[in-house]
Protein backbone atom coordinates (compact mmCIF):
# COMPACT_ATOMS: atom_id res chain seq x y z
CA MET A 1 0.00 0.00 0.00
CA ASP A 2 2.85 2.43 0.75
CA GLY A 3 3.77 2.53 -2.94
CA LEU A 4 0.22 3.55 -3.84
CA VAL A 5 0.28 6.41 -1.33
CA LYS A 6 3.24 8.00 -3.12
CA GLU A 7 1.15 8.19 -6.28
CA LEU A 8 -1.82 9.81 -4.49
CA THR A 9 -2.39 13.42 -5.61
CA ILE A 10 -4.68 16.13 -4.28
CA GLU A 11 -6.68 16.11 -7.50
CA MET A 12 -7.68 12.48 -6.83
CA LEU A 13 -9.44 13.42 -3.59
CA PRO A 14 -13.11 14.41 -3.57
CA GLU A 15 -14.02 18.10 -3.20
CA GLY A 16 -14.70 19.24 0.36
CA PRO A 17 -12.93 19.05 3.68
CA TYR A 18 -10.74 16.06 2.74
CA LYS A 19 -9.26 17.91 -0.18
CA GLN A 20 -8.78 21.06 1.94
CA ILE A 21 -6.92 19.10 4.59
CA ALA A 22 -4.75 17.37 1.99
CA GLU A 23 -3.94 20.75 0.42
CA ALA A 24 -2.89 22.07 3.84
CA ILE A 25 -0.78 19.09 5.00
CA GLY A 26 -0.04 17.20 1.80
CA PRO A 27 -1.56 13.95 0.46
CA GLU A 28 0.93 11.65 2.24
CA ASN A 29 0.27 13.30 5.63
CA PHE A 30 -3.45 13.14 4.92
CA TYR A 31 -3.05 9.40 4.37
CA ARG A 32 -1.16 9.10 7.71
CA LEU A 33 -3.99 11.00 9.41
CA ALA A 34 -6.47 8.57 7.86
CA GLU A 35 -4.40 5.66 9.24
CA VAL A 36 -4.61 7.13 12.76
CA VAL A 37 -8.25 8.28 12.91
CA GLY A 38 -9.82 6.90 9.75
CA GLY A 39 -13.44 5.86 10.26
CA ALA A 40 -13.74 7.67 13.60
CA THR A 41 -15.67 10.84 14.28
CA ILE A 42 -13.25 13.30 15.80
CA TYR A 43 -13.34 16.94 16.86
CA ILE A 44 -10.47 19.09 15.68
CA PRO A 45 -10.12 22.17 17.89
CA LYS A 46 -9.63 25.70 16.63
CA PRO A 47 -5.99 26.81 16.37
CA GLU A 48 -6.34 29.29 19.24
CA SER A 49 -7.42 26.43 21.50
CA LEU A 50 -4.16 24.64 20.76
CA THR A 51 -2.00 27.69 21.46
CA ARG A 52 -3.94 28.85 24.56
CA PRO A 53 -1.49 27.30 27.08
CA VAL A 54 1.42 29.03 25.31
CA ARG A 55 -0.45 32.36 25.32
CA ASP A 56 -1.29 32.00 29.01
CA ALA A 57 2.35 31.22 29.84
CA HIS A 58 3.40 34.41 28.02
CA ILE A 59 0.83 36.43 29.96
CA LYS A 60 2.09 35.04 33.28
CA ALA A 61 5.71 35.70 32.33
CA GLU A 62 5.00 39.31 31.29
CA PHE A 63 2.77 40.14 34.26
CA ASN A 64 4.32 42.73 36.58
CA GLY A 65 1.47 43.27 39.03
CA TYR A 66 0.10 46.35 37.30
CA ASN A 67 -0.33 45.59 33.60
CA HIS A 68 -3.66 43.74 33.40
CA PRO A 69 -5.11 46.07 30.72
CA GLU A 70 -1.99 46.05 28.52
CA LEU A 71 -1.72 42.25 28.55
CA ALA A 72 -5.43 41.89 27.84
CA ARG A 73 -5.12 44.13 24.77
CA LYS A 74 -1.88 42.53 23.58
CA TYR A 75 -3.21 38.97 23.72
CA GLY A 76 -6.84 39.65 22.80
CA VAL A 77 -8.32 38.49 26.10
CA THR A 78 -10.30 40.23 28.81
CA GLU A 79 -8.78 41.84 31.90
CA ARG A 80 -10.85 39.38 33.89
CA TRP A 81 -9.01 36.48 32.21
CA VAL A 82 -5.62 38.08 33.01
CA ARG A 83 -6.73 38.47 36.66
CA GLN A 84 -7.82 34.82 36.74
CA LEU A 85 -4.40 33.75 35.47
CA CYS A 86 -2.20 36.13 37.43
CA GLY A 87 -4.23 37.23 40.42
CA PRO A 88 -5.32 40.73 41.36
CA GLY A 89 -1.83 42.22 41.38
CA GLN A 90 -1.43 45.70 42.80
CA THR A 91 -2.65 49.06 41.70
CA GLU A 92 0.24 51.31 40.70
CA GLY A 93 1.37 53.39 43.68
CA GLN A 94 -0.58 51.26 46.13
CA ILE A 95 1.28 50.00 49.18
CA GLU A 96 0.19 47.41 51.67
CA LEU A 97 -1.60 48.89 54.68
CA PHE A 98 0.28 46.67 57.13
CA GLU A 99 3.64 47.69 55.59
CA LEU A 100 2.66 51.33 56.08
CA LEU A 101 1.64 50.80 59.71
CA GLU A 102 4.77 48.80 60.46
CA GLY A 103 7.01 51.48 58.96
CA MET A 104 5.28 54.36 60.72
CA THR A 105 4.73 52.90 64.16
CA GLY A 106 8.05 51.07 64.36
CA ALA A 107 10.17 54.26 64.56
CA GLY A 108 11.79 54.47 67.98
CA GLU A 109 10.85 52.58 71.11
CA SER A 110 7.63 54.45 71.73
CA GLY A 111 6.68 54.68 68.06
CA LEU A 112 4.96 57.73 66.60
CA SER A 113 2.42 59.84 68.41
CA SER A 114 -1.06 59.75 66.93
CA THR A 115 -0.67 63.31 65.61
CA ARG A 116 2.63 62.59 63.85
CA PHE A 117 1.14 59.37 62.56
CA ILE A 118 -1.84 61.26 61.12
CA CYS A 119 0.50 63.79 59.46
CA LYS A 120 2.63 61.09 57.86
CA LEU A 121 -0.43 59.14 56.85
CA HIS A 122 -1.95 62.26 55.31
CA LYS A 123 1.19 62.82 53.19
CA THR A 124 0.98 59.33 51.74
CA ALA A 125 -2.81 59.13 51.46
CA SER A 126 -2.70 60.06 47.78
CA LYS A 127 -0.80 56.83 47.14
CA ILE A 128 -3.13 54.73 49.18
CA ARG A 129 -6.69 53.86 48.36
CA VAL A 130 -9.83 54.11 50.49
CA GLU A 131 -8.41 51.95 53.28
CA ALA A 132 -5.92 54.64 54.27
CA THR A 133 -8.55 57.35 54.19
CA LEU A 134 -10.72 55.32 56.53
CA LEU A 135 -7.73 54.67 58.78
CA LEU A 136 -6.92 58.39 58.83
CA LEU A 137 -10.49 59.15 59.86
CA PHE A 138 -10.30 56.50 62.58
CA PHE A 139 -7.12 57.98 64.08
CA ALA A 140 -8.50 61.54 63.85
CA VAL A 141 -11.63 60.49 65.74
CA LYS A 142 -9.50 58.56 68.24
CA GLU A 143 -7.28 61.64 68.81
CA ALA A 144 -10.36 63.85 69.24
CA VAL A 145 -11.90 61.44 71.76
CA ASN A 146 -8.61 61.29 73.68
CA THR A 147 -8.48 65.09 73.95
CA TRP A 148 -12.07 65.30 75.19
CA THR A 149 -11.55 62.77 77.97
């Protein structure tokens, strides 16, 4: 049979998907495909389904914690998909609240007074999201209550 395969040409195949496949991969490779799955009903995935793991690996490798939108545009996926792959990341300029508290209250043995803490917190509030604003309000109220009592 192998000798007959070498004489098989694309023109000998019927019009339709078989001929299209043979044109794409060649008549000998089409014959090999028929040897593997001939007679079976199979599903052939779209090309993007085959390359999805490679795309996702590229997204993970290029993720820097802040570039969800850029990666989504570059790879034609949603920001939600990038977040699912890479996690929430950090908003640019955002620092961890506990890092801030540790850095501000750890200065010296007694730490910072509430007033100095509020001043320092106020200076960095533009870099911090709503959590810091709420914390600032909490300390201001605490300071006011302490002065009234």
